[in-house]
Structures are given as C-alpha cells and as structure tokens.
Protein backbone atom coordinates (compact mmCIF):
# COMPACT_ATOMS: atom_id res chain seq x y z
CA MET A 1 -25.58 -20.31 20.38
CA SER A 2 -21.57 -20.54 20.34
CA GLU A 3 -20.26 -23.18 22.51
CA VAL A 4 -18.41 -21.78 25.46
CA ASP A 5 -14.57 -22.59 25.08
CA TRP A 6 -14.50 -25.10 28.33
CA LEU A 7 -11.13 -26.28 27.23
CA SER A 8 -9.33 -22.63 27.15
CA HIS A 9 -10.84 -21.83 30.32
CA LEU A 10 -9.42 -25.02 32.18
CA LEU A 11 -5.91 -23.94 30.65
CA GLN A 12 -6.39 -20.57 32.23
CA ILE A 13 -6.69 -22.12 35.63
CA VAL A 14 -3.97 -24.85 34.96
CA THR A 15 -0.50 -23.89 33.60
CA VAL A 16 1.04 -26.72 31.50
CA THR A 17 4.12 -26.52 29.81
CA GLY A 18 5.89 -29.17 27.33
CA GLN A 19 9.05 -30.42 26.62
CA LEU A 20 10.71 -32.81 24.17
CA GLU A 21 13.34 -34.84 25.66
CA VAL A 22 14.37 -37.94 23.61
CA ARG A 23 14.03 -38.75 19.86
CA CYS A 24 14.24 -42.55 19.36
CA ALA A 25 15.31 -44.06 16.25
CA TYR A 26 15.37 -48.09 16.59
CA GLY A 27 15.15 -51.15 14.72
CA ALA A 28 13.55 -54.63 16.20
CA PRO A 29 13.87 -55.64 19.03
CA TRP A 30 13.78 -52.50 21.22
CA ARG A 31 12.39 -52.00 24.52
CA LEU A 32 11.89 -48.95 26.66
CA THR A 33 10.81 -48.89 30.48
CA TRP A 34 9.61 -45.58 32.53
CA SER A 35 9.17 -45.20 36.23
CA ARG A 36 6.38 -43.36 38.13
CA ALA A 37 6.59 -39.62 37.12
CA ALA A 38 6.90 -37.12 39.42
CA ALA A 39 3.65 -35.40 40.89
CA ASN A 40 3.59 -32.44 38.56
CA GLU A 41 4.85 -34.24 35.39
CA ILE A 42 2.47 -36.41 32.89
CA PRO A 43 4.91 -38.14 30.22
CA TYR A 44 4.20 -38.11 26.60
CA HIS A 45 4.99 -40.44 23.59
CA VAL A 46 4.64 -39.76 19.98
CA ILE A 47 4.89 -42.55 17.36
CA VAL A 48 6.05 -40.72 14.35
CA LYS A 49 6.56 -43.82 12.33
CA GLY A 50 6.45 -47.67 13.08
CA ARG A 51 4.48 -49.45 15.59
CA ALA A 52 4.98 -50.28 19.40
CA ILE A 53 3.49 -52.18 22.19
CA PHE A 54 2.29 -49.91 24.89
CA GLU A 55 1.98 -51.75 28.55
CA ASP A 56 0.66 -50.42 31.62
CA PRO A 57 2.00 -52.95 34.24
CA GLU A 58 -0.65 -51.79 37.12
CA THR A 59 -3.72 -52.20 34.77
CA ARG A 60 -1.86 -55.29 33.28
CA THR A 61 -3.02 -54.11 29.66
CA ALA A 62 -1.05 -53.95 26.34
CA ARG A 63 -2.05 -51.75 23.34
CA GLU A 64 -0.46 -51.44 19.81
CA LEU A 65 0.05 -47.85 18.89
CA VAL A 66 0.95 -47.26 15.11
CA SER A 67 2.09 -44.21 13.10
CA GLY A 68 0.56 -41.26 14.31
CA ASP A 69 -0.43 -42.43 17.67
CA ILE A 70 0.02 -40.05 20.66
CA VAL A 71 -0.14 -41.78 24.25
CA LEU A 72 -0.28 -39.32 27.55
CA LEU A 73 -0.04 -40.73 31.01
CA PRO A 74 -1.98 -38.00 33.25
CA HIS A 75 -1.51 -40.05 36.15
CA GLY A 76 2.22 -40.55 35.59
CA ALA A 77 1.91 -44.36 35.86
CA ALA A 78 4.98 -46.42 35.09
CA HIS A 79 4.79 -48.06 31.67
CA VAL A 80 7.01 -49.92 29.20
CA LEU A 81 6.87 -49.52 25.31
CA HIS A 82 8.58 -52.41 23.27
CA ASP A 83 8.61 -53.52 19.72
CA GLY A 84 6.04 -56.77 20.92
CA SER A 85 8.85 -59.65 19.56
CA GLY A 86 9.89 -60.67 23.04
CA LYS A 87 13.42 -60.52 21.95
CA THR A 88 16.56 -59.30 23.81
CA PRO A 89 16.71 -55.60 23.07
CA ILE A 90 19.67 -54.55 20.84
CA PRO A 91 21.97 -52.12 22.89
CA THR A 92 21.54 -48.22 22.27
CA GLN A 93 23.62 -45.33 21.94
CA GLN A 94 22.84 -42.03 23.00
CA ARG A 95 23.87 -38.58 21.81
CA LYS A 96 22.82 -35.20 22.82
CA GLY A 97 21.39 -32.82 20.25
CA SER A 98 22.33 -28.93 20.40
CA ALA A 99 18.55 -28.62 20.82
CA GLY A 100 19.06 -30.30 24.09
CA TRP A 101 16.92 -33.44 23.50
CA MET A 102 18.56 -36.64 23.18
CA LEU A 103 18.66 -38.84 20.15
CA SER A 104 18.99 -42.62 21.22
CA GLU A 105 19.65 -45.01 18.23
CA ASN A 106 20.34 -48.84 18.00
CA ASP A 107 21.94 -50.82 14.98
CA SER A 108 19.50 -52.99 14.23
CA GLN A 109 17.82 -53.35 10.61
CA GLY A 110 14.74 -54.96 12.08
CA GLU A 111 11.13 -53.26 11.78
CA GLN A 112 11.92 -49.37 12.05
CA LEU A 113 10.66 -47.19 15.05
CA ASP A 114 10.73 -43.13 14.88
CA LEU A 115 9.53 -42.15 18.35
CA LEU A 116 9.21 -38.93 20.61
CA CYS A 117 9.15 -39.18 24.43
CA GLY A 118 8.87 -35.86 26.47
CA ARG A 119 6.97 -34.47 29.33
CA PHE A 120 4.17 -32.03 30.48
CA PHE A 121 4.72 -29.86 33.53
CA ILE A 122 1.95 -28.89 35.71
CA SER A 123 2.13 -25.82 38.06
CA PRO A 124 1.41 -27.28 41.59
CA PRO A 125 -1.42 -27.87 43.12
CA HIS A 126 -3.10 -28.22 39.70
CA ASP A 127 -1.51 -31.64 39.29
CA ARG A 128 -4.20 -32.95 41.75
CA LEU A 129 -7.03 -31.75 39.52
CA ILE A 130 -5.74 -33.27 36.40
CA ARG A 131 -5.32 -36.51 38.24
CA ASN A 132 -8.52 -36.62 39.66
CA TYR A 133 -10.40 -35.59 36.29
CA LEU A 134 -8.51 -37.22 33.36
CA PRO A 135 -8.00 -40.91 32.34
CA THR A 136 -4.75 -43.09 33.77
CA ASN A 137 -3.52 -42.79 30.13
CA LEU A 138 -5.14 -41.29 26.95
CA VAL A 139 -4.58 -42.46 23.32
CA ALA A 140 -5.15 -39.85 20.32
CA ARG A 141 -4.86 -41.12 17.10
CA THR A 142 -3.98 -38.68 14.23
CA GLY A 143 -6.12 -38.60 11.20
CA ASN A 144 -6.95 -36.67 7.85
CA ASP A 145 -10.69 -36.02 8.47
CA VAL A 146 -11.66 -32.63 6.93
CA GLY A 147 -14.67 -31.32 9.13
CA LYS A 148 -17.52 -28.60 8.51
CA ASP A 149 -16.55 -25.55 6.57
CA GLY A 150 -13.22 -27.45 5.42
CA ILE A 151 -11.46 -27.04 8.69
CA GLY A 152 -9.36 -29.92 9.80
CA SER A 153 -10.74 -32.20 12.73
CA ALA A 154 -8.55 -32.29 15.93
CA THR A 155 -6.94 -35.09 14.72
CA ASP A 156 -6.22 -34.09 11.25
CA GLN A 157 -4.44 -30.74 13.25
CA LEU A 158 -2.63 -32.91 15.50
CA ALA A 159 -1.10 -34.93 12.54
CA SER A 160 0.24 -31.47 11.04
CA LEU A 161 1.51 -30.56 14.76
CA VAL A 162 3.48 -34.08 14.83
CA GLY A 163 4.74 -33.14 11.41
CA LEU A 164 6.27 -30.01 12.53
CA MET A 165 7.61 -31.90 15.39
CA ARG A 166 9.15 -34.14 13.58
CA MET A 167 10.94 -31.88 11.09
CA GLU A 168 12.23 -29.71 13.90
CA SER A 169 13.58 -32.55 15.79
CA ALA A 170 15.15 -33.99 12.59
CA GLY A 171 17.27 -30.53 12.15
CA ASP A 172 19.92 -28.74 14.15
CA ARG A 173 18.15 -25.04 13.49
CA ALA A 174 18.12 -22.05 15.44
CA GLY A 175 15.45 -21.87 18.19
CA GLY A 176 14.98 -25.68 17.48
CA ARG A 177 14.85 -26.17 21.39
CA ALA A 178 11.91 -23.16 21.83
CA VAL A 179 9.85 -24.31 18.80
CA LEU A 180 9.92 -28.13 20.25
CA ASN A 181 8.75 -26.92 23.62
CA ALA A 182 6.23 -24.85 22.06
CA LEU A 183 4.84 -27.28 20.08
CA SER A 184 4.72 -29.63 23.06
CA SER A 185 2.53 -27.57 24.95
CA ALA A 186 0.08 -27.14 21.92
CA LEU A 187 0.00 -30.81 21.74
CA PHE A 188 -1.40 -30.90 25.00
CA THR A 189 -4.12 -29.09 24.46
CA LEU A 190 -4.78 -30.68 20.69
CA VAL A 191 -4.82 -33.94 22.34
CA LEU A 192 -7.22 -33.36 25.01
CA ARG A 193 -9.75 -31.37 22.26
CA ALA A 194 -9.14 -34.67 20.16
CA ALA A 195 -10.37 -37.19 22.85
CA SER A 196 -13.25 -34.65 23.86
CA GLU A 197 -14.42 -34.86 20.27
CA SER A 198 -13.68 -38.40 19.82
CA ASP A 199 -17.05 -40.94 19.48
CA LYS A 200 -15.53 -42.77 22.49
CA ALA A 201 -14.33 -39.78 24.82
CA PRO A 202 -12.77 -41.37 27.92
CA GLU A 203 -13.69 -41.20 31.39
CA GLY A 204 -13.68 -37.96 33.48
CA LEU A 205 -14.11 -34.46 32.24
CA LEU A 206 -13.48 -35.39 28.70
CA ALA A 207 -16.44 -37.45 28.78
CA LEU A 208 -18.18 -34.82 30.23
CA ALA A 209 -17.14 -31.93 27.90
CA GLY A 210 -18.05 -34.33 24.77
CA HIS A 211 -21.14 -35.02 26.12
CA PRO A 212 -23.88 -32.76 24.24
CA ARG A 213 -26.18 -32.66 27.35
CA LEU A 214 -23.85 -31.99 29.86
CA ALA A 215 -21.21 -29.89 27.84
CA PRO A 216 -23.21 -26.62 28.78
CA ALA A 217 -22.59 -27.25 32.78
CA ILE A 218 -19.25 -28.01 32.57
CA ALA A 219 -18.57 -24.84 30.31
CA ALA A 220 -20.66 -22.47 32.73
CA MET A 221 -18.56 -23.90 35.66
CA LEU A 222 -15.00 -23.26 34.04
CA ALA A 223 -16.15 -20.10 32.54
CA ASP A 224 -17.28 -18.94 35.93
CA PRO A 225 -16.34 -20.67 38.86
CA ALA A 226 -16.98 -17.75 41.38
CA GLN A 227 -20.67 -17.49 40.45
CA PRO A 228 -22.95 -19.16 43.35
CA TRP A 229 -24.03 -22.30 40.80
CA LYS A 230 -26.69 -24.22 42.45
CA LEU A 231 -27.61 -27.90 41.03
CA PRO A 232 -31.04 -26.34 39.99
CA ASP A 233 -29.33 -23.68 37.94
CA LEU A 234 -26.98 -26.19 36.02
CA ALA A 235 -29.55 -28.98 35.33
CA ASP A 236 -31.49 -25.68 34.01
CA LEU A 237 -28.66 -25.16 31.52
CA CYS A 238 -28.56 -28.86 30.33
CA GLY A 239 -32.37 -28.89 29.93
CA MET A 240 -32.73 -31.49 32.45
CA SER A 241 -34.46 -32.28 36.18
CA ARG A 242 -31.94 -32.04 39.04
CA ALA A 243 -32.15 -35.62 39.58
CA THR A 244 -31.38 -36.55 35.69
CA PHE A 245 -28.77 -33.99 35.80
CA MET A 246 -27.09 -35.26 39.24
CA ARG A 247 -27.50 -38.99 38.05
CA HIS A 248 -25.56 -38.04 34.29
CA PHE A 249 -23.03 -36.36 36.09
CA GLN A 250 -22.22 -38.65 38.67
CA ASP A 251 -21.93 -41.59 36.07
CA ARG A 252 -19.51 -39.90 33.79
CA LEU A 253 -17.37 -38.35 36.35
CA GLY A 254 -17.60 -40.52 39.29
CA CYS A 255 -18.40 -37.33 41.73
CA SER A 256 -20.98 -34.45 42.00
CA ALA A 257 -20.98 -31.36 40.09
CA LEU A 258 -20.27 -29.27 43.13
CA ASP A 259 -17.04 -31.43 43.81
CA LEU A 260 -15.88 -30.12 40.42
CA LEU A 261 -16.91 -26.66 41.10
CA THR A 262 -15.05 -26.65 44.32
CA ASP A 263 -12.21 -28.04 42.81
CA LEU A 264 -12.06 -25.76 40.15
CA ARG A 265 -12.43 -22.88 42.98
CA MET A 266 -9.50 -24.12 44.97
CA SER A 267 -7.59 -24.37 42.29
CA LEU A 268 -8.37 -20.71 40.99
CA ALA A 269 -7.69 -19.66 44.61
CA ALA A 270 -4.07 -20.98 44.63
CA ASN A 271 -3.31 -19.02 41.77
CA GLU A 272 -4.66 -15.94 43.48
CA LEU A 273 -2.83 -16.63 46.60
CA LYS A 274 0.44 -16.44 44.87
CA LYS A 275 -0.20 -12.87 44.40
CA PRO A 276 1.39 -10.82 47.20
CA THR A 277 -0.51 -7.82 47.40
CA ILE A 278 -4.06 -10.01 47.51
CA SER A 279 -5.63 -10.71 50.99
CA THR A 280 -7.06 -14.08 51.99
CA GLU A 281 -10.61 -12.30 52.41
CA ALA A 282 -9.97 -11.07 49.00
CA VAL A 283 -9.28 -14.31 47.30
CA ALA A 284 -12.21 -16.23 49.68
CA GLU A 285 -14.59 -13.67 47.47
CA THR A 286 -12.98 -13.93 44.02
CA VAL A 287 -13.87 -17.67 43.95
CA GLY A 288 -17.41 -17.35 45.25
CA TYR A 289 -17.04 -17.54 49.18
CA GLN A 290 -18.75 -14.98 51.27
CA SER A 291 -17.39 -16.49 54.44
CA VAL A 292 -13.60 -16.22 54.78
CA SER A 293 -13.54 -19.10 57.59
CA ALA A 294 -15.60 -21.43 54.94
CA PHE A 295 -13.23 -20.66 52.53
CA ARG A 296 -10.37 -21.51 54.59
CA ARG A 297 -11.67 -24.72 55.97
CA VAL A 298 -12.52 -26.15 52.28
CA PHE A 299 -9.05 -25.08 50.72
CA THR A 300 -7.40 -27.10 53.90
CA GLU A 301 -9.48 -30.13 53.01
CA ARG A 302 -8.56 -30.12 49.46
CA MET A 303 -5.26 -29.08 49.40
CA GLY A 304 -3.62 -30.36 52.62
CA MET A 305 -2.76 -27.20 53.98
CA THR A 306 -4.26 -23.73 55.01
CA PRO A 307 -4.27 -20.85 52.33
CA GLY A 308 -1.51 -18.94 54.54
CA GLU A 309 0.79 -22.14 54.35
CA TRP A 310 0.12 -22.38 50.51
CA ARG A 311 0.91 -18.68 50.29
CA ARG A 312 4.19 -18.88 52.12
CA GLN A 313 5.24 -22.17 50.10
CA ALA A 314 4.27 -20.72 46.91
CA HIS A 315 6.61 -17.32 47.85
CA THR A 316 9.27 -19.47 48.77
CA GLY A 317 9.33 -20.79 45.28
CA ARG A 318 8.54 -24.49 46.28
CA ALA A 319 4.73 -24.70 45.50
CA GLY A 320 5.45 -23.01 41.78
CA ALA A 321 8.56 -24.90 40.90
CA ASP A 322 8.52 -26.96 37.78
C-alpha cells in the first residue's frame, strides 16, 4: 500500500515561502548573533563549507555544525553562531548583491567559513501550528546515501539542493533572486522530510510521521481533517488498541490525536475564512463541524479571536501579510 503523502498535505494547509538574505564568507575568528525572530518567521542557516558552533542561549546548549549541515529554528529562538575560538571577531564588511541578498566578508586568513542565512515565512495563523508541533531547533545533515531503486535519500537530495543554492549565490545571473527563493522554499520541505526519515526523528510531528506504527493515523488526519475521526478509528488504522494508541501518541507528541486534529481543522478554517464568498456556516461544515456555534467556540479558543474577527483581519491584509 502506498504511503499517504502527509508532508504535502501539511504544506497545502500551511503556506511556507523562503528567502535567502545573507551569504557569509569569513575567516576565523568570527561571531554572529540573532535576536528572536518575528512570530511568522523561521530563521535557517546552511553551512556550505567549514564549521560553526551553534548556541541556543535559552536551553544553554551548543552544537558543532559542519559542512553540509542545515539548521532551522521553528520557534524563532534567539541564537548565536561562532567559530569556537573565543577570540575577538574580525570586523566584517557588507555589500549588497544585485539578487537582493547581502554578502558579508572579513579579511581573516583563519579557518574559512561559507554560510548561507535566510528566513522562511509562514502565513498567519499557521505559525502557531508550526511552533506547537515542531522542535525548537532542527538540524539536518546532508549525505550521499542512495536508497532503494537507486533513488537518493532525503539527505542526498538536500546535498544537491545546497549545491544549487551555493552556485546561484556565487554568481550574479538573471533570475538569481527568484531561483534562490524557490530553492529556499524547497529546502524547508526537504529538511522536514529528512528529519522524519532519520533514525533519530526529533520530537513532535516529525517523530510521529517517522513512527511506522503511528504514521497511518497522522497521514489520515492530514489527508482529510474534516472526516469525523474518532479515537477507535485512528487506533484501528494503526493496528493498536485505543489505550495503546492514546499512550503512544501522547508520549510522542505531548498532546492527544484529537488535539492535533482540532488544530489542523482550525488552520484549514482560517484559510477558508479568507475567501469572501464562503459563509461561516459553510466553513464550519467544510472542516467537520455540524454545529456552527461549536465551531465558533473552538475557533475562538484556539485562535484567540472569533471567525468573524479573523475574516476581517484577513481582508484588511494584516492577517495574511508576510
């Protein structure tokens, strides 16, 4: 039986676009600091060549990143990248490329770093869904594994994508900015795919999607959130008793399957409410609610505003702005 494409279904609900902003060409010592990102932004960094120490001040953890590593910060946390020497950083100079991104350089002959930095933008209110179900930071390692039928693994595909980004950012060719932004958007999807396929899938949605026994339930909910799913239905899909299914789901995700289903439905409803010709009653039915009052109550609880208030914000441009 072919596996339902849970990730494509998720990205049909949650619109994510990407943008390369800075290419850093440094010799050690160097240090870069980022403050907390805006609610609908996810910073990312790609180590094209060299190595870097990634520090998360909130969790007080540090990790070495090497050539080919990609780090995403789904919660937009403040963070630091540095060369690890502890020495005073060499001053940098910036110049803007014609493709819209910045080149930042220093004059040091120390250990060399080639780093791409950018951001993903998530259409509101889906930043809430991403923050609730993805880890604080996510590191993907590119590789050269070839899977079954000679098809490259997700990490191998990431390596090819990073190579394309490096070539585009090194040149100054027509359409460079558009190509880099399109590649950045693909980067988000491939990092999530690689993380869910890894032997050590992180917590949250990626751990569930990468869990062979729980994957059928997550795929079914994403494919058809409006279906009146009940816990016994979802447990049956996974070949588990209701109690075993609930325990495994809660352990992996930190919430129940019905919590996740409600969040998916409310995100879908937020998209539908942007359409001026569709009534709130029709939206409620589209996302699986027979009672419009029940839908209004749940939407207000989860989104912090009524469906009508969300619709008005979306139409004035505030809710859908990047």
